[in-house]
Amino acid sequence: MKSDFTLSLEDIKSKNENALELFYSGIKSEQTRRSMEGNLKRFLVVACAEIFSGDFKNRVQEFVDLSKEDQDRATSIVLAYVRKLRERASLDKNDPNYLNPSSIPNKIKPIRKLVEMNGLGLGWKRIYSLYPEKDNTNKGRAYTRAEIQKMLEYSDSIESDFIILASSSGGFRVGAWNDQTWGNISPVYEINGEYKITLEKDDKDFKIVCAAMLVYKNSPEEYITLISIEAWNKLLEYKKVWTSRMKREPVDSDPLLLERNLYPEVRTLTEVAVSRRIWTLLLRSGMRGPLVEGKRRHEVPMTHGFRRYWDKIMMETTKKRDTLSALVIKERLMGHDGLVGTDKNYYWTDILDMVPDYLQAMPYLMISEESRLVQKLEAEKLERQRLEQANQEKDNALEKLGELEAKVRRMEKYQVSHQD
């Protein structure tokens, strides 16, 4: 096959010279790009103010050129930076310059991304060996169901209700709301004990039991989680509001959550906007006030508290089952690879295979007392049906065993009579 273009040495040179663009090209998420760019600027513009010169782009190029020409020198600069960060991490927590040691890896990550995207390497083992222990990180706790109920009481929109119910029953991080579209959420149908995402023409007597939600679409972190039937029902209510505002039904490519006061422009809510809404609800409900003296963080992380709530409930349900597969499924629904590095290779499961485990925990994940009661009654009904079926199968097995034993006795009598 003939190529319709040719590469020149000048083409290759121009690409190699643009170190910053190569850095950006390796980052898919806009939010991740902003975060990594900010940390890289702190390193090159602030910390290395006396080492490199010019604007940010020029400093990036200088550091990449130095890494190419003198790897030891570039590594020494990063090592000195980590030592300074360690000094701040060793300060008293009440010191205004204190730095949480768990944040240090995130400050070094963009430096590694920069040099690797430019085809270079540094002495990363030496650099990582200087990282401090994470023994003074903020443990915190999950939201309680009562606290989440209180947030819902002070919510001023169905949209915010859905955010809370999906977050607490889906266990995903707040970044999952970035670029969310209607096509990323699908109901999960139950038909005669089997689960489906798509109905066929002949499918009848089905019911929706929960919903599947795709997060971080088209990124290396993409995965599918499940949200409760309570969250799905709230989404259907919100769909009416969306349709009324936009004067049409949403299509799969439409943004799921809309920024307010932007009509006719359509823009989806970002994780920053979602976090701002949660913060407003916490203030309005009186659940978030000034920090107690001596504390740098609130007891419950503002958005991550929902994920901790989900993890706590799922872990309690998993312990009751006491099986490795249930624990692996829980990790998958959180977006983790598994318990060990090879789990993804040897224990791959489709999202529908995870539904039975999720449905066992769902009554405890739901927030509304009415929804939880209905779901518990439904779960108890299904459990009774399962036990009745198991007992019937046991009775059938005993009946067949009795018939087999009678047949054996007849054969034994037959053999004895013929021997005589």
Protein backbone atom coordinates (compact mmCIF):
# COMPACT_ATOMS: atom_id res chain seq x y z
CA MET A 1 0.00 0.00 0.00
CA LYS A 2 1.42 3.37 -1.03
CA SER A 3 1.53 6.23 1.45
CA ASP A 4 0.02 9.55 0.33
CA PHE A 5 2.57 11.55 2.32
CA THR A 6 6.21 11.39 3.35
CA LEU A 7 7.89 12.40 6.60
CA SER A 8 10.86 14.74 6.48
CA LEU A 9 13.59 15.24 9.08
CA GLU A 10 12.08 18.68 9.70
CA ASP A 11 8.71 17.11 10.60
CA ILE A 12 10.37 14.90 13.21
CA LYS A 13 12.46 17.75 14.58
CA SER A 14 9.47 20.07 15.04
CA LYS A 15 7.59 17.43 17.00
CA ASN A 16 10.52 16.68 19.29
CA GLU A 17 11.09 20.35 20.02
CA ASN A 18 7.53 20.92 21.31
CA ALA A 19 7.93 19.25 24.71
CA LEU A 20 4.85 20.82 26.28
CA GLU A 21 2.52 19.66 23.50
CA LEU A 22 3.84 16.12 23.86
CA PHE A 23 3.07 16.35 27.58
CA TYR A 24 -0.50 17.47 26.90
CA SER A 25 -1.03 14.80 24.24
CA GLY A 26 -0.63 12.06 26.84
CA ILE A 27 -3.52 13.31 28.99
CA LYS A 28 -7.09 12.49 27.97
CA SER A 29 -9.16 14.13 30.72
CA GLU A 30 -9.45 17.92 30.80
CA GLN A 31 -9.66 17.86 34.61
CA THR A 32 -6.53 15.70 34.85
CA ARG A 33 -4.77 18.05 32.45
CA ARG A 34 -5.53 21.07 34.62
CA SER A 35 -4.39 19.28 37.77
CA MET A 36 -1.13 17.95 36.27
CA GLU A 37 -0.37 21.27 34.58
CA GLY A 38 -0.79 23.08 37.91
CA ASN A 39 1.59 20.72 39.71
CA LEU A 40 4.13 20.94 36.89
CA LYS A 41 4.01 24.75 37.07
CA ARG A 42 4.64 24.65 40.82
CA PHE A 43 7.75 22.61 40.15
CA LEU A 44 9.21 24.49 37.16
CA VAL A 45 7.97 28.06 37.74
CA VAL A 46 7.96 28.29 41.56
CA ALA A 47 10.36 25.69 42.96
CA CYS A 48 12.83 26.02 40.05
CA ALA A 49 12.50 29.79 39.71
CA GLU A 50 16.30 30.25 39.95
CA ILE A 51 17.20 27.24 37.79
CA PHE A 52 15.17 27.77 34.62
CA SER A 53 14.04 30.98 32.92
CA GLY A 54 11.33 32.29 30.65
CA ASP A 55 7.64 31.44 30.55
CA PHE A 56 6.15 28.05 31.43
CA LYS A 57 6.58 26.61 27.92
CA ASN A 58 10.21 27.66 27.79
CA ARG A 59 10.93 26.18 31.24
CA VAL A 60 9.34 22.89 30.17
CA GLN A 61 11.64 22.77 27.17
CA GLU A 62 14.71 23.63 29.27
CA PHE A 63 13.97 20.83 31.74
CA VAL A 64 13.40 18.29 28.95
CA ASP A 65 16.65 19.37 27.22
CA LEU A 66 18.51 19.04 30.52
CA SER A 67 17.02 15.56 31.08
CA LYS A 68 18.28 14.59 27.62
CA GLU A 69 21.77 16.01 28.08
CA ASP A 70 22.41 15.32 31.77
CA GLN A 71 20.09 12.75 33.34
CA ASP A 72 21.91 12.81 36.68
CA ARG A 73 21.55 16.59 36.96
CA ALA A 74 17.82 16.45 36.15
CA THR A 75 17.32 13.62 38.65
CA SER A 76 19.15 15.64 41.32
CA ILE A 77 16.75 18.55 40.81
CA VAL A 78 13.71 16.29 41.29
CA LEU A 79 15.34 14.67 44.34
CA ALA A 80 15.91 18.11 45.88
CA TYR A 81 12.25 18.96 45.18
CA VAL A 82 11.04 15.79 46.94
CA ARG A 83 13.28 16.56 49.95
CA LYS A 84 11.68 19.99 50.27
CA LEU A 85 8.22 18.43 50.05
CA ARG A 86 9.22 15.90 52.73
CA GLU A 87 10.26 18.74 55.04
CA ARG A 88 6.77 20.23 54.74
CA ALA A 89 5.19 16.79 55.30
CA SER A 90 7.11 16.41 58.57
CA LEU A 91 5.75 19.67 60.03
CA ASP A 92 3.05 19.73 62.68
CA LYS A 93 -0.40 19.31 61.15
CA ASN A 94 -1.44 22.69 62.54
CA ASP A 95 1.42 24.44 60.75
CA PRO A 96 0.09 26.45 57.77
CA ASN A 97 2.91 25.03 55.60
CA TYR A 98 2.10 21.42 56.46
CA LEU A 99 1.76 19.13 53.45
CA ASN A 100 -0.11 15.84 53.51
CA PRO A 101 2.44 13.14 52.55
CA SER A 102 -0.18 11.36 50.43
CA SER A 103 -0.18 14.35 48.04
CA ILE A 104 3.53 14.09 47.16
CA PRO A 105 3.14 11.35 44.48
CA ASN A 106 0.61 13.54 42.64
CA LYS A 107 3.14 16.42 42.58
CA ILE A 108 5.82 14.19 41.04
CA LYS A 109 3.53 12.35 38.58
CA PRO A 110 3.41 15.20 35.98
CA ILE A 111 7.22 15.45 36.01
CA ARG A 112 7.48 11.79 35.08
CA LYS A 113 4.70 12.19 32.51
CA LEU A 114 6.63 15.08 30.90
CA VAL A 115 9.93 13.26 30.50
CA GLU A 116 8.33 9.97 29.42
CA MET A 117 6.16 11.62 26.77
CA ASN A 118 9.38 13.10 25.43
CA GLY A 119 11.00 9.66 25.27
CA LEU A 120 13.28 10.17 28.26
CA GLY A 121 13.79 8.68 31.70
CA LEU A 122 15.12 9.64 35.12
CA GLY A 123 16.20 7.75 38.22
CA TRP A 124 12.68 7.11 39.44
CA LYS A 125 13.62 4.39 41.96
CA ARG A 126 15.90 6.85 43.74
CA ILE A 127 13.19 9.50 43.63
CA TYR A 128 10.45 7.21 44.96
CA SER A 129 12.69 5.99 47.77
CA LEU A 130 12.48 9.47 49.31
CA TYR A 131 8.71 9.44 49.58
CA PRO A 132 7.58 9.71 53.24
CA GLU A 133 5.35 7.15 54.90
CA LYS A 134 1.63 7.86 54.63
CA ASP A 135 1.03 7.27 58.33
CA ASN A 136 -0.47 10.67 59.04
CA THR A 137 -3.06 10.84 56.29
CA ASN A 138 -6.60 11.82 57.14
CA LYS A 139 -8.62 8.69 57.80
CA GLY A 140 -12.05 10.28 57.94
CA ARG A 141 -15.29 8.32 57.62
CA ALA A 142 -18.22 7.75 55.31
CA TYR A 143 -21.48 9.65 55.33
CA THR A 144 -24.20 7.95 57.32
CA ARG A 145 -27.59 7.23 55.78
CA ALA A 146 -29.13 9.86 58.07
CA GLU A 147 -26.67 12.48 56.81
CA ILE A 148 -27.43 11.66 53.18
CA GLN A 149 -31.15 11.83 53.96
CA LYS A 150 -30.60 15.28 55.44
CA MET A 151 -28.84 16.45 52.27
CA LEU A 152 -31.84 15.30 50.25
CA GLU A 153 -34.16 17.21 52.55
CA TYR A 154 -32.29 20.43 51.78
CA SER A 155 -31.89 19.73 48.06
CA ASP A 156 -33.57 22.27 45.79
CA SER A 157 -33.73 20.22 42.58
CA ILE A 158 -34.44 16.74 41.23
CA GLU A 159 -31.07 16.97 39.49
CA SER A 160 -29.24 17.30 42.81
CA ASP A 161 -31.34 14.46 44.23
CA PHE A 162 -30.16 12.22 41.41
CA ILE A 163 -26.51 13.22 41.94
CA ILE A 164 -26.74 12.23 45.60
CA LEU A 165 -28.62 8.95 45.03
CA ALA A 166 -26.37 7.86 42.15
CA SER A 167 -23.19 8.80 44.01
CA SER A 168 -24.16 6.91 47.16
CA SER A 169 -25.44 3.81 45.34
CA GLY A 170 -22.79 3.76 42.58
CA GLY A 171 -19.63 4.29 44.62
CA PHE A 172 -17.84 6.24 41.87
CA ARG A 173 -15.59 9.25 42.30
CA VAL A 174 -16.84 12.76 41.62
CA GLY A 175 -14.73 12.88 38.44
CA ALA A 176 -17.17 10.38 36.91
CA TRP A 177 -19.62 13.25 36.33
CA ASN A 178 -17.32 14.87 33.77
CA ASP A 179 -18.67 14.52 30.21
CA GLN A 180 -21.55 12.28 31.34
CA THR A 181 -24.17 11.71 28.63
CA TRP A 182 -27.60 10.06 28.55
CA GLY A 183 -26.21 7.16 26.53
CA ASN A 184 -23.91 6.20 29.40
CA ILE A 185 -26.78 5.00 31.63
CA SER A 186 -28.95 2.00 30.82
CA PRO A 187 -31.61 0.16 32.85
CA VAL A 188 -30.96 -3.45 33.85
CA TYR A 189 -33.98 -5.67 33.12
CA GLU A 190 -34.91 -8.90 34.92
CA ILE A 191 -36.83 -11.49 32.91
CA ASN A 192 -37.51 -14.92 34.40
CA GLY A 193 -34.48 -14.71 36.65
CA GLU A 194 -32.14 -13.51 33.91
CA TYR A 195 -30.70 -9.99 33.54
CA LYS A 196 -30.44 -7.95 30.34
CA ILE A 197 -29.38 -4.49 29.23
CA THR A 198 -31.30 -4.62 25.94
CA LEU A 199 -34.81 -6.01 25.48
CA GLU A 200 -35.79 -8.14 22.52
CA LYS A 201 -39.14 -8.06 20.73
CA ASP A 202 -40.42 -11.21 22.41
CA ASP A 203 -39.40 -10.16 25.95
CA LYS A 204 -42.44 -9.74 28.19
CA ASP A 205 -43.16 -9.52 31.92
CA PHE A 206 -39.86 -7.75 32.56
CA LYS A 207 -39.01 -5.33 35.33
CA ILE A 208 -36.16 -2.87 35.89
CA VAL A 209 -34.08 -3.87 38.93
CA CYS A 210 -31.25 -1.28 38.79
CA ALA A 211 -29.18 0.57 36.17
CA ALA A 212 -25.70 0.34 34.67
CA MET A 213 -23.59 3.49 34.39
CA LEU A 214 -20.47 3.93 32.25
CA VAL A 215 -17.88 6.25 33.80
CA TYR A 216 -14.65 7.77 32.45
CA LYS A 217 -15.72 6.86 28.91
CA ASN A 218 -12.94 6.66 26.32
CA SER A 219 -10.23 6.91 28.95
CA PRO A 220 -7.83 4.30 30.37
CA GLU A 221 -9.92 4.33 33.58
CA GLU A 222 -13.22 3.48 31.82
CA TYR A 223 -15.45 0.98 33.62
CA ILE A 224 -19.11 0.20 34.30
CA THR A 225 -20.76 0.38 37.70
CA LEU A 226 -24.33 -0.11 38.92
CA ILE A 227 -26.71 2.36 40.55
CA SER A 228 -29.85 1.62 42.53
CA ILE A 229 -33.41 1.44 41.28
CA GLU A 230 -34.03 4.43 43.56
CA ALA A 231 -31.46 6.47 41.61
CA TRP A 232 -32.87 5.23 38.28
CA ASN A 233 -36.40 6.32 39.22
CA LYS A 234 -35.08 9.73 40.19
CA LEU A 235 -33.31 9.96 36.83
CA LEU A 236 -36.64 9.34 35.07
CA GLU A 237 -38.13 12.25 37.03
CA TYR A 238 -35.20 14.45 36.07
CA LYS A 239 -35.61 13.42 32.41
CA LYS A 240 -38.97 15.22 32.39
CA VAL A 241 -37.28 18.38 33.69
CA TRP A 242 -34.52 18.06 31.07
CA THR A 243 -37.09 17.58 28.30
CA SER A 244 -39.11 20.57 29.45
CA ARG A 245 -36.03 22.79 29.50
CA MET A 246 -34.61 21.69 26.14
CA LYS A 247 -38.03 21.33 24.42
CA ARG A 248 -37.17 17.81 23.22
CA GLU A 249 -36.31 14.31 24.42
CA PRO A 250 -32.61 13.70 25.14
CA VAL A 251 -30.56 11.54 22.78
CA ASP A 252 -27.61 9.38 23.79
CA SER A 253 -25.00 12.03 22.94
CA ASP A 254 -26.70 14.79 24.96
CA PRO A 255 -25.09 15.93 28.23
CA LEU A 256 -26.77 14.33 31.23
CA LEU A 257 -26.52 17.13 33.80
CA LEU A 258 -26.87 20.69 32.56
CA GLU A 259 -25.32 23.86 33.88
CA ARG A 260 -27.98 26.29 35.00
CA ASN A 261 -28.81 29.55 33.20
CA LEU A 262 -27.01 28.59 29.98
CA TYR A 263 -30.01 28.07 27.68
CA PRO A 264 -29.88 27.81 24.69
CA GLU A 265 -26.22 26.75 25.13
CA VAL A 266 -25.91 23.15 26.33
CA ARG A 267 -23.06 22.42 28.70
CA THR A 268 -22.72 19.46 31.06
CA LEU A 269 -21.92 19.84 34.73
CA THR A 270 -18.25 19.25 35.58
CA GLU A 271 -16.99 17.62 38.74
CA VAL A 272 -16.18 21.12 40.03
CA ALA A 273 -19.81 22.21 39.60
CA VAL A 274 -21.07 18.99 41.21
CA SER A 275 -18.71 19.50 44.16
CA ARG A 276 -19.98 23.06 44.51
CA ARG A 277 -23.57 21.79 44.71
CA ILE A 278 -22.68 19.26 47.40
CA TRP A 279 -20.85 21.97 49.34
CA THR A 280 -23.91 24.24 49.15
CA LEU A 281 -26.15 21.46 50.45
CA LEU A 282 -23.78 20.74 53.34
CA LEU A 283 -23.77 24.41 54.32
CA ARG A 284 -27.54 24.78 53.91
CA SER A 285 -28.22 21.72 56.06
CA GLY A 286 -25.78 22.80 58.77
CA MET A 287 -23.65 19.68 58.25
CA ARG A 288 -20.52 21.60 57.27
CA GLY A 289 -19.21 24.51 59.30
CA PRO A 290 -15.83 25.96 60.26
CA LEU A 291 -13.08 23.46 61.04
CA VAL A 292 -12.48 22.60 64.66
CA GLU A 293 -9.27 24.14 65.99
CA GLY A 294 -6.34 21.86 65.25
CA LYS A 295 -8.11 20.12 62.36
CA ARG A 296 -7.14 20.65 58.72
CA ARG A 297 -9.93 18.55 57.24
CA HIS A 298 -13.53 17.72 57.98
CA GLU A 299 -14.31 14.27 59.31
CA VAL A 300 -16.26 13.28 56.19
CA PRO A 301 -14.69 14.05 52.77
CA MET A 302 -17.16 16.24 50.88
CA THR A 303 -17.63 14.07 47.77
CA HIS A 304 -15.58 10.98 48.62
CA GLY A 305 -17.85 10.40 51.62
CA PHE A 306 -20.43 8.89 49.22
CA ARG A 307 -17.87 6.42 47.87
CA ARG A 308 -16.91 5.46 51.42
CA TYR A 309 -20.58 4.93 52.28
CA TRP A 310 -20.93 2.61 49.27
CA ASP A 311 -17.73 0.74 50.13
CA LYS A 312 -18.82 0.24 53.74
CA ILE A 313 -22.21 -1.20 52.76
CA MET A 314 -20.75 -3.42 50.03
CA MET A 315 -18.04 -4.71 52.34
CA GLU A 316 -20.59 -5.63 55.01
CA THR A 317 -22.68 -7.49 52.43
CA THR A 318 -19.60 -9.20 50.98
CA LYS A 319 -18.51 -10.44 54.41
CA LYS A 320 -21.87 -12.17 54.85
CA ARG A 321 -21.27 -14.13 51.65
CA ASP A 322 -17.62 -14.79 52.59
CA THR A 323 -16.54 -15.63 49.03
CA LEU A 324 -13.57 -14.38 47.04
CA SER A 325 -15.69 -13.81 43.94
CA ALA A 326 -18.00 -11.42 45.83
CA LEU A 327 -15.01 -9.39 47.00
CA VAL A 328 -13.56 -9.25 43.48
CA ILE A 329 -16.92 -8.07 42.10
CA LYS A 330 -17.04 -5.31 44.72
CA GLU A 331 -13.60 -4.13 43.63
CA ARG A 332 -14.64 -4.19 39.97
CA LEU A 333 -17.71 -2.07 40.66
CA MET A 334 -15.38 0.49 42.28
CA GLY A 335 -13.29 0.62 39.12
CA HIS A 336 -10.38 -1.34 40.63
CA ASP A 337 -8.62 -4.09 38.68
CA GLY A 338 -9.13 -6.66 41.44
CA LEU A 339 -7.50 -8.06 44.55
CA VAL A 340 -4.24 -8.92 42.82
CA GLY A 341 -2.65 -7.82 39.57
CA THR A 342 -3.73 -10.92 37.63
CA ASP A 343 -7.42 -10.78 38.60
CA LYS A 344 -8.32 -8.88 35.46
CA ASN A 345 -6.80 -11.63 33.34
CA TYR A 346 -8.21 -14.63 35.20
CA TYR A 347 -11.51 -13.38 36.65
CA TRP A 348 -13.15 -11.21 33.99
CA THR A 349 -16.85 -10.69 34.56
CA ASP A 350 -19.51 -8.97 32.52
CA ILE A 351 -21.52 -6.29 34.29
CA LEU A 352 -24.64 -8.50 34.21
CA ASP A 353 -22.76 -11.17 36.16
CA MET A 354 -22.33 -8.60 38.94
CA VAL A 355 -26.04 -7.76 39.21
CA PRO A 356 -27.03 -10.57 41.65
CA ASP A 357 -24.31 -9.51 44.11
CA TYR A 358 -25.26 -5.86 43.76
CA LEU A 359 -28.97 -6.55 44.31
CA GLN A 360 -28.19 -8.20 47.63
CA ALA A 361 -26.58 -4.97 48.83
CA MET A 362 -28.95 -2.53 47.11
CA PRO A 363 -31.64 -2.42 49.86
CA TYR A 364 -28.94 -1.25 52.29
CA LEU A 365 -27.51 1.27 49.82
CA MET A 366 -30.80 3.06 49.17
CA ILE A 367 -31.54 6.19 51.18
CA SER A 368 -35.33 6.57 51.24
CA GLU A 369 -36.91 4.49 53.99
CA GLU A 370 -39.87 3.72 51.72
CA SER A 371 -37.61 2.58 48.87
CA ARG A 372 -35.54 0.47 51.24
CA LEU A 373 -38.65 -1.17 52.72
CA VAL A 374 -40.08 -2.01 49.30
CA GLN A 375 -36.74 -3.41 48.16
CA LYS A 376 -36.29 -5.46 51.33
CA LEU A 377 -39.76 -6.95 50.95
CA GLU A 378 -38.97 -7.78 47.33
CA ALA A 379 -35.65 -9.33 48.34
CA GLU A 380 -37.36 -11.39 51.05
CA LYS A 381 -39.98 -12.56 48.54
CA LEU A 382 -37.27 -13.65 46.10
CA GLU A 383 -35.41 -15.40 48.92
CA ARG A 384 -38.54 -17.30 49.93
CA GLN A 385 -39.07 -18.33 46.31
CA ARG A 386 -35.46 -19.48 46.12
CA LEU A 387 -35.82 -21.50 49.34
CA GLU A 388 -39.10 -23.02 48.17
CA GLN A 389 -37.49 -23.99 44.89
CA ALA A 390 -34.49 -25.43 46.74
CA ASN A 391 -36.78 -27.41 49.06
CA GLN A 392 -38.77 -28.68 46.09
CA GLU A 393 -35.59 -29.77 44.37
CA LYS A 394 -34.50 -31.47 47.59
CA ASP A 395 -37.83 -33.29 47.88
CA ASN A 396 -37.58 -34.37 44.24
CA ALA A 397 -34.05 -35.60 44.83
CA LEU A 398 -35.15 -37.57 47.93
CA GLU A 399 -38.07 -39.05 46.00
CA LYS A 400 -35.75 -40.17 43.20
CA LEU A 401 -33.31 -41.55 45.76
CA GLY A 402 -36.14 -43.53 47.37
CA GLU A 403 -37.15 -44.91 43.97
CA LEU A 404 -33.55 -45.88 43.28
CA GLU A 405 -33.20 -47.62 46.65
CA ALA A 406 -36.44 -49.55 46.05
CA LYS A 407 -35.16 -50.58 42.62
CA VAL A 408 -31.89 -51.81 44.15
CA ARG A 409 -33.81 -53.88 46.75
CA ARG A 410 -35.93 -55.45 44.01
CA MET A 411 -32.83 -56.34 42.07
CA GLU A 412 -31.23 -57.86 45.15
CA LYS A 413 -34.34 -60.01 45.81
CA TYR A 414 -34.40 -61.04 42.18
CA GLN A 415 -30.77 -62.15 42.31
CA VAL A 416 -31.30 -64.10 45.58
CA SER A 417 -34.38 -65.90 44.23
CA HIS A 418 -32.55 -66.96 41.06
CA GLN A 419 -29.54 -68.21 43.04
CA ASP A 420 -31.81 -70.54 44.97
